[in-house]
């Protein structure tokens, strides 16, 4: 049987990252990990965001629609601000909903380690969904980044980039697409 790691490595050699992620997601679902709506594992009632540059943490609860309550968005926007300028930007609530959905099969209270999120105009080296508050670079505590990327890509929402050498995943609310960096 081919392992997830072998599939991801073969993806770097020619298979598209999304196709590889789809194969990985099928493998994950077969063992009960990462499968949305799994009866074996509880659905998260929230998540914790931990910004690695600032050391700040925030518990984000879930509203009745499975997303962040509107009242929580100010705290989320503060935590995900550009730490180089201390400037806050509007964060897309769908981005937080994606984080909740991606971690649903692994843990009842996922802890995301945030490397980068909102980028202010001072950091506009190129066009990026980070500037619009629609992208985040992160890791999921206790889960391999390759598995996180595969689970996110299997959902077919937004962009998923897997950066193996830096060990992080980029998620965004743009058009569905996958890549490896």
N, C-alpha and C. Protein backbone atom coordinates (compact mmCIF):
# COMPACT_ATOMS: atom_id res chain seq x y z
N UNK A 1 0.84 -1.18 0.00
CA UNK A 1 0.00 0.00 0.00
C UNK A 1 0.88 1.24 0.00
N UNK A 2 0.52 2.23 -0.75
CA UNK A 2 1.26 3.48 -0.83
C UNK A 2 0.90 4.35 0.37
N UNK A 3 1.91 4.92 1.02
CA UNK A 3 1.66 5.80 2.17
C UNK A 3 1.33 7.21 1.69
N UNK A 4 0.77 8.02 2.59
CA UNK A 4 0.47 9.42 2.26
C UNK A 4 1.76 10.15 1.89
N UNK A 5 2.83 9.89 2.63
CA UNK A 5 4.09 10.56 2.38
C UNK A 5 4.60 10.22 0.97
N UNK A 6 4.50 8.93 0.58
CA UNK A 6 4.93 8.54 -0.76
C UNK A 6 4.09 9.24 -1.82
N UNK A 7 2.78 9.38 -1.56
CA UNK A 7 1.92 10.06 -2.53
C UNK A 7 2.32 11.52 -2.67
N UNK A 8 2.59 12.18 -1.53
CA UNK A 8 2.99 13.58 -1.60
C UNK A 8 4.34 13.73 -2.29
N UNK A 9 5.27 12.82 -2.03
CA UNK A 9 6.56 12.88 -2.69
C UNK A 9 6.41 12.66 -4.19
N UNK A 10 5.54 11.74 -4.58
CA UNK A 10 5.33 11.52 -6.01
C UNK A 10 4.63 12.72 -6.62
N UNK A 11 3.85 13.44 -5.83
CA UNK A 11 3.18 14.65 -6.32
C UNK A 11 4.19 15.70 -6.70
N UNK A 12 5.26 15.81 -5.92
CA UNK A 12 6.30 16.78 -6.22
C UNK A 12 7.02 16.40 -7.51
N UNK A 13 6.95 15.13 -7.88
CA UNK A 13 7.64 14.66 -9.07
C UNK A 13 6.77 14.70 -10.31
N UNK A 14 5.58 15.24 -10.23
CA UNK A 14 4.80 15.33 -11.45
C UNK A 14 3.30 15.32 -11.27
N UNK A 15 2.79 14.63 -10.25
CA UNK A 15 1.34 14.66 -10.05
C UNK A 15 0.94 16.02 -9.51
N UNK A 16 -0.25 16.49 -9.84
CA UNK A 16 -0.72 17.75 -9.29
C UNK A 16 -0.97 17.62 -7.80
N UNK A 17 -0.71 18.68 -7.06
CA UNK A 17 -0.88 18.64 -5.60
C UNK A 17 -2.32 18.34 -5.22
N UNK A 18 -3.28 18.84 -5.99
CA UNK A 18 -4.68 18.57 -5.65
C UNK A 18 -5.02 17.10 -5.86
N UNK A 19 -4.50 16.50 -6.92
CA UNK A 19 -4.77 15.08 -7.15
C UNK A 19 -4.15 14.25 -6.04
N UNK A 20 -2.95 14.61 -5.64
CA UNK A 20 -2.29 13.91 -4.55
C UNK A 20 -3.10 14.08 -3.27
N UNK A 21 -3.57 15.31 -3.01
CA UNK A 21 -4.35 15.56 -1.80
C UNK A 21 -5.63 14.75 -1.82
N UNK A 22 -6.23 14.60 -2.97
CA UNK A 22 -7.45 13.79 -3.07
C UNK A 22 -7.18 12.35 -2.71
N UNK A 23 -6.07 11.80 -3.19
CA UNK A 23 -5.69 10.44 -2.83
C UNK A 23 -5.40 10.34 -1.34
N UNK A 24 -4.71 11.34 -0.81
CA UNK A 24 -4.41 11.35 0.63
C UNK A 24 -5.68 11.44 1.44
N UNK A 25 -6.61 12.27 1.01
CA UNK A 25 -7.86 12.44 1.75
C UNK A 25 -8.64 11.13 1.77
N UNK A 26 -8.61 10.39 0.66
CA UNK A 26 -9.29 9.10 0.63
C UNK A 26 -8.64 8.16 1.64
N UNK A 27 -7.33 8.21 1.71
CA UNK A 27 -6.62 7.39 2.69
C UNK A 27 -6.96 7.83 4.11
N UNK A 28 -7.01 9.13 4.34
CA UNK A 28 -7.36 9.63 5.68
C UNK A 28 -8.76 9.21 6.07
N UNK A 29 -9.69 9.31 5.14
CA UNK A 29 -11.07 8.95 5.43
C UNK A 29 -11.19 7.47 5.77
N UNK A 30 -10.35 6.65 5.17
CA UNK A 30 -10.42 5.21 5.41
C UNK A 30 -10.05 4.85 6.84
N UNK A 31 -9.24 5.69 7.48
CA UNK A 31 -8.85 5.40 8.86
C UNK A 31 -9.59 6.29 9.85
N UNK A 32 -10.53 7.08 9.36
CA UNK A 32 -11.35 7.89 10.25
C UNK A 32 -10.73 9.22 10.63
N UNK A 33 -9.67 9.65 9.97
CA UNK A 33 -9.07 10.94 10.27
C UNK A 33 -9.43 11.93 9.19
N UNK A 34 -9.74 13.14 9.59
CA UNK A 34 -9.99 14.19 8.63
C UNK A 34 -11.31 14.08 7.92
N UNK A 35 -12.11 13.09 8.20
CA UNK A 35 -13.38 12.92 7.52
C UNK A 35 -14.43 13.80 8.17
N UNK A 36 -15.00 14.71 7.40
CA UNK A 36 -16.02 15.60 7.95
C UNK A 36 -17.23 14.78 8.36
N UNK A 37 -17.78 15.09 9.51
CA UNK A 37 -18.98 14.41 9.97
C UNK A 37 -18.71 13.02 10.52
N UNK A 38 -17.48 12.67 10.81
CA UNK A 38 -17.17 11.35 11.35
C UNK A 38 -17.91 11.13 12.65
N UNK A 39 -18.54 9.96 12.79
CA UNK A 39 -19.27 9.64 14.01
C UNK A 39 -18.32 9.25 15.14
N UNK A 40 -17.10 8.89 14.80
CA UNK A 40 -16.16 8.42 15.80
C UNK A 40 -15.49 9.55 16.58
N UNK A 41 -15.40 10.73 16.01
CA UNK A 41 -14.69 11.83 16.64
C UNK A 41 -15.63 13.03 16.81
N UNK A 42 -15.52 13.75 17.93
CA UNK A 42 -16.40 14.90 18.14
C UNK A 42 -16.05 16.06 17.23
N UNK A 43 -17.06 16.79 16.86
CA UNK A 43 -16.87 17.99 16.04
C UNK A 43 -16.39 19.13 16.94
N UNK A 44 -15.40 19.92 16.50
CA UNK A 44 -14.90 21.00 17.34
C UNK A 44 -15.99 22.00 17.71
N UNK A 45 -15.90 22.48 18.91
CA UNK A 45 -16.81 23.52 19.37
C UNK A 45 -16.11 24.87 19.33
N UNK A 46 -14.94 24.90 18.78
CA UNK A 46 -14.15 26.11 18.67
C UNK A 46 -12.74 25.76 18.25
N UNK A 47 -11.87 26.74 18.36
CA UNK A 47 -10.46 26.52 18.05
C UNK A 47 -9.63 27.53 18.82
N UNK A 48 -8.35 27.26 18.90
CA UNK A 48 -7.42 28.19 19.51
C UNK A 48 -6.46 28.66 18.43
N UNK A 49 -6.29 29.96 18.34
CA UNK A 49 -5.29 30.54 17.46
C UNK A 49 -4.13 31.00 18.33
N UNK A 50 -2.93 30.58 17.97
CA UNK A 50 -1.73 30.97 18.71
C UNK A 50 -0.77 31.59 17.70
N UNK A 51 -0.51 32.89 17.83
CA UNK A 51 0.37 33.57 16.88
C UNK A 51 1.81 33.38 17.33
N UNK A 52 2.61 32.73 16.49
CA UNK A 52 3.97 32.38 16.88
C UNK A 52 4.89 33.59 17.03
N UNK A 53 4.62 34.69 16.31
CA UNK A 53 5.48 35.87 16.42
C UNK A 53 5.18 36.71 17.65
N UNK A 54 3.91 36.81 18.02
CA UNK A 54 3.54 37.66 19.15
C UNK A 54 3.35 36.88 20.44
N UNK A 55 3.17 35.57 20.33
CA UNK A 55 2.93 34.74 21.51
C UNK A 55 1.50 34.82 22.03
N UNK A 56 0.65 35.57 21.36
CA UNK A 56 -0.74 35.74 21.79
C UNK A 56 -1.58 34.53 21.41
N UNK A 57 -2.59 34.27 22.23
CA UNK A 57 -3.52 33.16 22.00
C UNK A 57 -4.94 33.69 22.08
N UNK A 58 -5.84 33.02 21.35
CA UNK A 58 -7.25 33.41 21.38
C UNK A 58 -8.11 32.16 21.19
N UNK A 59 -9.08 31.99 22.08
CA UNK A 59 -10.07 30.93 21.93
C UNK A 59 -11.20 31.50 21.07
N UNK A 60 -11.52 30.82 19.98
CA UNK A 60 -12.61 31.23 19.09
C UNK A 60 -13.71 30.20 19.21
N UNK A 61 -14.88 30.64 19.66
CA UNK A 61 -16.01 29.73 19.78
C UNK A 61 -16.77 29.67 18.47
N UNK A 62 -17.71 28.74 18.38
CA UNK A 62 -18.48 28.50 17.17
C UNK A 62 -19.91 28.97 17.39
N UNK A 63 -20.48 29.64 16.38
CA UNK A 63 -21.89 30.03 16.48
C UNK A 63 -22.78 28.89 15.98
N UNK A 64 -24.07 29.09 15.95
CA UNK A 64 -25.02 28.06 15.54
C UNK A 64 -24.88 27.63 14.09
N UNK A 65 -24.18 28.42 13.28
CA UNK A 65 -23.98 28.09 11.86
C UNK A 65 -22.62 27.45 11.59
N UNK A 66 -21.88 27.14 12.64
CA UNK A 66 -20.59 26.48 12.46
C UNK A 66 -19.45 27.42 12.16
N UNK A 67 -19.65 28.71 12.32
CA UNK A 67 -18.60 29.69 12.06
C UNK A 67 -18.33 30.52 13.29
N UNK A 68 -17.47 31.52 13.16
CA UNK A 68 -17.17 32.36 14.31
C UNK A 68 -18.30 33.37 14.56
N UNK A 69 -18.67 33.60 15.82
CA UNK A 69 -19.68 34.63 16.10
C UNK A 69 -19.17 36.00 15.65
N UNK A 70 -20.06 36.85 15.17
CA UNK A 70 -19.67 38.18 14.70
C UNK A 70 -18.92 38.94 15.79
N UNK A 71 -19.31 38.75 17.04
CA UNK A 71 -18.66 39.46 18.15
C UNK A 71 -17.21 39.03 18.34
N UNK A 72 -16.84 37.85 17.85
CA UNK A 72 -15.47 37.34 17.98
C UNK A 72 -14.52 37.92 16.94
N UNK A 73 -15.06 38.46 15.88
CA UNK A 73 -14.22 38.90 14.76
C UNK A 73 -13.23 39.99 15.15
N UNK A 74 -13.58 40.89 16.05
CA UNK A 74 -12.65 41.95 16.47
C UNK A 74 -11.41 41.34 17.12
N UNK A 75 -11.60 40.35 17.99
CA UNK A 75 -10.47 39.68 18.62
C UNK A 75 -9.63 38.90 17.63
N UNK A 76 -10.30 38.26 16.67
CA UNK A 76 -9.60 37.50 15.63
C UNK A 76 -8.76 38.46 14.78
N UNK A 77 -9.35 39.58 14.40
CA UNK A 77 -8.63 40.56 13.57
C UNK A 77 -7.44 41.16 14.31
N UNK A 78 -7.59 41.33 15.62
CA UNK A 78 -6.46 41.84 16.41
C UNK A 78 -5.33 40.81 16.44
N UNK A 79 -5.65 39.56 16.74
CA UNK A 79 -4.62 38.52 16.83
C UNK A 79 -3.94 38.30 15.48
N UNK A 80 -4.68 38.36 14.39
CA UNK A 80 -4.14 38.08 13.06
C UNK A 80 -3.61 39.32 12.36
N UNK A 81 -3.42 40.41 13.11
CA UNK A 81 -2.90 41.66 12.54
C UNK A 81 -1.48 41.45 12.01
N UNK A 82 -0.99 42.44 11.28
CA UNK A 82 0.38 42.42 10.77
C UNK A 82 1.30 42.82 11.93
N UNK A 83 2.07 41.88 12.48
CA UNK A 83 2.89 42.23 13.64
C UNK A 83 4.03 43.20 13.34
N UNK A 84 4.41 43.32 12.06
CA UNK A 84 5.50 44.23 11.72
C UNK A 84 5.06 45.69 11.77
N UNK A 85 3.75 45.95 11.60
CA UNK A 85 3.24 47.32 11.63
C UNK A 85 2.18 47.52 12.70
N UNK A 86 1.72 46.44 13.30
CA UNK A 86 0.63 46.45 14.29
C UNK A 86 -0.70 46.89 13.66
N UNK A 87 -0.79 46.84 12.34
CA UNK A 87 -2.01 47.25 11.64
C UNK A 87 -2.96 46.06 11.51
N UNK A 88 -4.23 46.33 11.80
CA UNK A 88 -5.26 45.29 11.66
C UNK A 88 -5.98 45.46 10.34
N UNK A 89 -6.47 44.34 9.85
CA UNK A 89 -7.28 44.34 8.64
C UNK A 89 -8.50 43.48 8.86
N UNK A 90 -9.45 43.58 7.98
CA UNK A 90 -10.65 42.76 8.04
C UNK A 90 -10.29 41.32 7.67
N UNK A 91 -10.71 40.36 8.49
CA UNK A 91 -10.46 38.95 8.22
C UNK A 91 -11.76 38.31 7.73
N UNK A 92 -11.69 37.56 6.67
CA UNK A 92 -12.85 36.89 6.10
C UNK A 92 -13.33 35.80 7.07
N UNK A 93 -14.57 35.88 7.57
CA UNK A 93 -15.08 34.84 8.48
C UNK A 93 -15.04 33.44 7.86
N UNK A 94 -15.11 33.35 6.53
CA UNK A 94 -15.03 32.05 5.87
C UNK A 94 -13.67 31.39 6.08
N UNK A 95 -12.64 32.18 6.29
CA UNK A 95 -11.32 31.64 6.56
C UNK A 95 -11.32 30.90 7.90
N UNK A 96 -11.96 31.48 8.91
CA UNK A 96 -12.06 30.84 10.22
C UNK A 96 -12.94 29.60 10.13
N UNK A 97 -14.01 29.66 9.35
CA UNK A 97 -14.88 28.49 9.15
C UNK A 97 -14.07 27.36 8.51
N UNK A 98 -13.20 27.69 7.55
CA UNK A 98 -12.35 26.67 6.93
C UNK A 98 -11.47 26.00 7.97
N UNK A 99 -10.89 26.79 8.87
CA UNK A 99 -10.02 26.23 9.91
C UNK A 99 -10.79 25.25 10.79
N UNK A 100 -12.02 25.60 11.13
CA UNK A 100 -12.85 24.71 11.94
C UNK A 100 -13.15 23.42 11.21
N UNK A 101 -13.51 23.52 9.93
CA UNK A 101 -13.86 22.33 9.15
C UNK A 101 -12.67 21.41 8.93
N UNK A 102 -11.52 21.99 8.65
CA UNK A 102 -10.34 21.19 8.35
C UNK A 102 -9.93 20.35 9.57
N UNK A 103 -10.04 20.92 10.75
CA UNK A 103 -9.61 20.22 11.96
C UNK A 103 -10.68 19.33 12.57
N UNK A 104 -11.87 19.30 11.98
CA UNK A 104 -13.01 18.61 12.59
C UNK A 104 -12.74 17.15 12.91
N UNK A 105 -11.99 16.46 12.11
CA UNK A 105 -11.78 15.03 12.34
C UNK A 105 -10.66 14.70 13.30
N UNK A 106 -9.88 15.68 13.71
CA UNK A 106 -8.72 15.38 14.51
C UNK A 106 -8.88 15.66 16.00
N UNK A 107 -9.50 16.72 16.35
CA UNK A 107 -9.49 17.11 17.76
C UNK A 107 -10.69 17.99 18.09
N UNK A 108 -11.23 17.89 19.30
CA UNK A 108 -12.37 18.71 19.67
C UNK A 108 -12.02 20.19 19.86
N UNK A 109 -10.76 20.51 20.14
CA UNK A 109 -10.36 21.91 20.26
C UNK A 109 -9.00 22.09 19.60
N UNK A 110 -8.99 22.28 18.27
CA UNK A 110 -7.73 22.39 17.55
C UNK A 110 -6.96 23.64 17.95
N UNK A 111 -5.64 23.52 17.98
CA UNK A 111 -4.76 24.65 18.25
C UNK A 111 -3.95 24.90 16.97
N UNK A 112 -4.20 26.05 16.37
CA UNK A 112 -3.47 26.44 15.16
C UNK A 112 -2.34 27.37 15.53
N UNK A 113 -1.15 27.05 15.07
CA UNK A 113 0.01 27.93 15.23
C UNK A 113 0.09 28.79 13.98
N UNK A 114 -0.14 30.09 14.14
CA UNK A 114 -0.19 31.03 13.02
C UNK A 114 1.19 31.62 12.77
N UNK A 115 1.66 31.51 11.55
CA UNK A 115 2.93 32.12 11.15
C UNK A 115 2.69 33.49 10.52
N UNK A 116 1.63 33.60 9.73
CA UNK A 116 1.34 34.85 9.02
C UNK A 116 -0.13 34.86 8.64
N UNK A 117 -0.73 36.04 8.67
CA UNK A 117 -2.13 36.17 8.26
C UNK A 117 -2.27 37.49 7.51
N UNK A 118 -2.91 38.49 8.12
CA UNK A 118 -3.10 39.77 7.44
C UNK A 118 -1.74 40.44 7.19
N UNK A 119 -1.59 41.00 6.00
CA UNK A 119 -0.39 41.76 5.66
C UNK A 119 -0.81 43.18 5.30
N UNK A 120 -0.22 44.15 5.95
CA UNK A 120 -0.55 45.55 5.72
C UNK A 120 0.05 46.04 4.40
N UNK A 121 -0.32 47.26 4.02
CA UNK A 121 0.18 47.84 2.77
C UNK A 121 1.70 48.01 2.79
N UNK A 122 2.30 48.08 3.97
CA UNK A 122 3.76 48.20 4.06
C UNK A 122 4.46 46.95 3.56
N UNK A 123 3.77 45.84 3.50
CA UNK A 123 4.37 44.57 3.06
C UNK A 123 3.86 44.13 1.69
N UNK A 124 3.41 45.04 0.88
CA UNK A 124 2.85 44.68 -0.43
C UNK A 124 3.93 44.50 -1.50
N UNK A 125 4.68 43.44 -1.37
CA UNK A 125 5.68 43.15 -2.39
C UNK A 125 5.03 42.60 -3.65
N UNK A 126 3.88 41.96 -3.50
CA UNK A 126 3.13 41.41 -4.64
C UNK A 126 1.68 41.21 -4.21
N UNK A 127 0.82 41.01 -5.19
CA UNK A 127 -0.59 40.79 -4.87
C UNK A 127 -0.75 39.50 -4.08
N UNK A 128 -1.55 39.54 -3.04
CA UNK A 128 -1.73 38.38 -2.19
C UNK A 128 -3.07 38.47 -1.47
N UNK A 129 -3.70 37.33 -1.26
CA UNK A 129 -4.93 37.31 -0.48
C UNK A 129 -4.67 37.63 0.99
N UNK A 130 -3.42 37.57 1.42
CA UNK A 130 -3.08 38.00 2.78
C UNK A 130 -3.44 39.48 2.97
N UNK A 131 -3.27 40.29 1.94
CA UNK A 131 -3.57 41.72 2.02
C UNK A 131 -5.06 41.99 2.17
N UNK A 132 -5.87 41.03 1.77
CA UNK A 132 -7.33 41.18 1.86
C UNK A 132 -7.90 40.47 3.09
N UNK A 133 -7.05 39.91 3.94
CA UNK A 133 -7.53 39.17 5.11
C UNK A 133 -8.19 37.86 4.75
N UNK A 134 -7.78 37.28 3.62
CA UNK A 134 -8.39 36.05 3.13
C UNK A 134 -7.41 34.88 3.07
N UNK A 135 -6.25 35.01 3.75
CA UNK A 135 -5.24 33.95 3.71
C UNK A 135 -4.51 33.86 5.04
N UNK A 136 -4.02 32.67 5.32
CA UNK A 136 -3.30 32.43 6.57
C UNK A 136 -2.27 31.33 6.34
N UNK A 137 -1.11 31.47 6.96
CA UNK A 137 -0.06 30.45 6.92
C UNK A 137 0.05 29.88 8.33
N UNK A 138 -0.01 28.54 8.45
CA UNK A 138 -0.11 27.96 9.78
C UNK A 138 0.28 26.50 9.83
N UNK A 139 0.25 25.99 11.05
CA UNK A 139 0.39 24.57 11.35
C UNK A 139 -0.73 24.20 12.31
N UNK A 140 -1.11 22.95 12.33
CA UNK A 140 -2.09 22.45 13.30
C UNK A 140 -1.32 21.61 14.30
N UNK A 141 -1.34 22.04 15.55
CA UNK A 141 -0.56 21.39 16.61
C UNK A 141 -0.86 19.89 16.66
N UNK A 142 0.21 19.09 16.60
CA UNK A 142 0.08 17.64 16.70
C UNK A 142 -0.24 16.93 15.40
N UNK A 143 -0.40 17.66 14.30
CA UNK A 143 -0.75 17.06 13.01
C UNK A 143 0.33 17.42 11.99
N UNK A 144 0.76 16.45 11.22
CA UNK A 144 1.76 16.70 10.18
C UNK A 144 1.21 17.68 9.16
N UNK A 145 2.02 18.63 8.74
CA UNK A 145 1.58 19.63 7.77
C UNK A 145 1.11 18.99 6.46
N UNK A 146 1.73 17.89 6.06
CA UNK A 146 1.30 17.20 4.84
C UNK A 146 -0.13 16.69 5.00
N UNK A 147 -0.46 16.16 6.17
CA UNK A 147 -1.81 15.67 6.42
C UNK A 147 -2.81 16.82 6.50
N UNK A 148 -2.39 17.93 7.11
CA UNK A 148 -3.25 19.11 7.16
C UNK A 148 -3.56 19.60 5.75
N UNK A 149 -2.55 19.68 4.91
CA UNK A 149 -2.75 20.14 3.53
C UNK A 149 -3.67 19.19 2.77
N UNK A 150 -3.48 17.89 2.94
CA UNK A 150 -4.32 16.91 2.25
C UNK A 150 -5.77 17.03 2.68
N UNK A 151 -6.00 17.20 3.97
CA UNK A 151 -7.36 17.34 4.47
C UNK A 151 -8.02 18.60 3.94
N UNK A 152 -7.28 19.70 3.93
CA UNK A 152 -7.82 20.97 3.44
C UNK A 152 -8.12 20.88 1.94
N UNK A 153 -7.22 20.30 1.17
CA UNK A 153 -7.41 20.19 -0.28
C UNK A 153 -8.61 19.32 -0.62
N UNK A 154 -8.85 18.28 0.19
CA UNK A 154 -9.96 17.37 -0.08
C UNK A 154 -11.31 18.07 0.04
N UNK A 155 -11.37 19.16 0.76
CA UNK A 155 -12.62 19.90 0.92
C UNK A 155 -12.94 20.76 -0.29
N UNK A 156 -11.95 21.03 -1.13
CA UNK A 156 -12.17 21.75 -2.37
C UNK A 156 -12.60 23.20 -2.19
N UNK A 157 -12.20 23.80 -1.08
CA UNK A 157 -12.54 25.22 -0.86
C UNK A 157 -11.27 26.03 -0.76
N UNK A 158 -11.15 27.02 -1.58
CA UNK A 158 -10.02 27.94 -1.49
C UNK A 158 -8.71 27.31 -1.89
N UNK A 159 -7.65 28.09 -1.67
CA UNK A 159 -6.32 27.65 -2.03
C UNK A 159 -5.64 26.94 -0.89
N UNK A 160 -4.86 25.93 -1.26
CA UNK A 160 -4.09 25.16 -0.28
C UNK A 160 -2.67 25.03 -0.82
N UNK A 161 -1.73 25.59 -0.09
CA UNK A 161 -0.33 25.46 -0.44
C UNK A 161 0.41 24.72 0.65
N UNK A 162 1.19 23.73 0.26
CA UNK A 162 1.97 22.96 1.23
C UNK A 162 3.43 23.30 1.02
N UNK A 163 4.06 23.86 2.05
CA UNK A 163 5.46 24.26 2.00
C UNK A 163 6.26 23.30 2.88
N UNK A 164 6.71 22.23 2.25
CA UNK A 164 7.35 21.14 2.97
C UNK A 164 8.62 21.57 3.69
N UNK A 165 9.50 22.32 3.01
CA UNK A 165 10.78 22.67 3.62
C UNK A 165 10.61 23.60 4.82
N UNK A 166 9.60 24.44 4.81
CA UNK A 166 9.34 25.35 5.93
C UNK A 166 8.30 24.76 6.90
N UNK A 167 7.72 23.63 6.54
CA UNK A 167 6.75 22.93 7.37
C UNK A 167 5.55 23.79 7.77
N UNK A 168 4.83 24.31 6.75
CA UNK A 168 3.59 25.00 7.03
C UNK A 168 2.64 24.87 5.86
N UNK A 169 1.40 25.24 6.12
CA UNK A 169 0.34 25.18 5.11
C UNK A 169 -0.24 26.58 4.94
N UNK A 170 -0.48 26.96 3.71
CA UNK A 170 -1.17 28.21 3.38
C UNK A 170 -2.61 27.83 3.05
N UNK A 171 -3.57 28.51 3.68
CA UNK A 171 -4.99 28.35 3.34
C UNK A 171 -5.55 29.70 2.98
N UNK A 172 -6.44 29.73 1.98
CA UNK A 172 -7.11 30.99 1.65
C UNK A 172 -8.52 30.73 1.15
N UNK A 173 -9.28 31.80 1.02
CA UNK A 173 -10.68 31.71 0.59
C UNK A 173 -10.84 32.09 -0.88
N UNK A 174 -9.78 32.03 -1.64
CA UNK A 174 -9.85 32.30 -3.07
C UNK A 174 -10.39 31.10 -3.84
N UNK A 175 -10.13 31.08 -5.12
CA UNK A 175 -10.57 29.98 -5.98
C UNK A 175 -9.89 28.69 -5.54
N UNK A 176 -10.59 27.55 -5.64
CA UNK A 176 -9.97 26.26 -5.26
C UNK A 176 -8.76 25.96 -6.15
N UNK A 177 -7.63 25.72 -5.53
CA UNK A 177 -6.39 25.36 -6.22
C UNK A 177 -5.41 24.85 -5.18
N UNK A 178 -4.40 24.12 -5.65
CA UNK A 178 -3.39 23.54 -4.76
C UNK A 178 -2.02 23.72 -5.37
N UNK A 179 -1.02 23.80 -4.50
CA UNK A 179 0.34 23.88 -4.97
C UNK A 179 1.28 23.44 -3.86
N UNK A 180 2.52 23.19 -4.25
CA UNK A 180 3.58 22.89 -3.28
C UNK A 180 4.68 23.90 -3.47
N UNK A 181 5.21 24.37 -2.37
CA UNK A 181 6.26 25.39 -2.45
C UNK A 181 7.55 24.93 -1.86
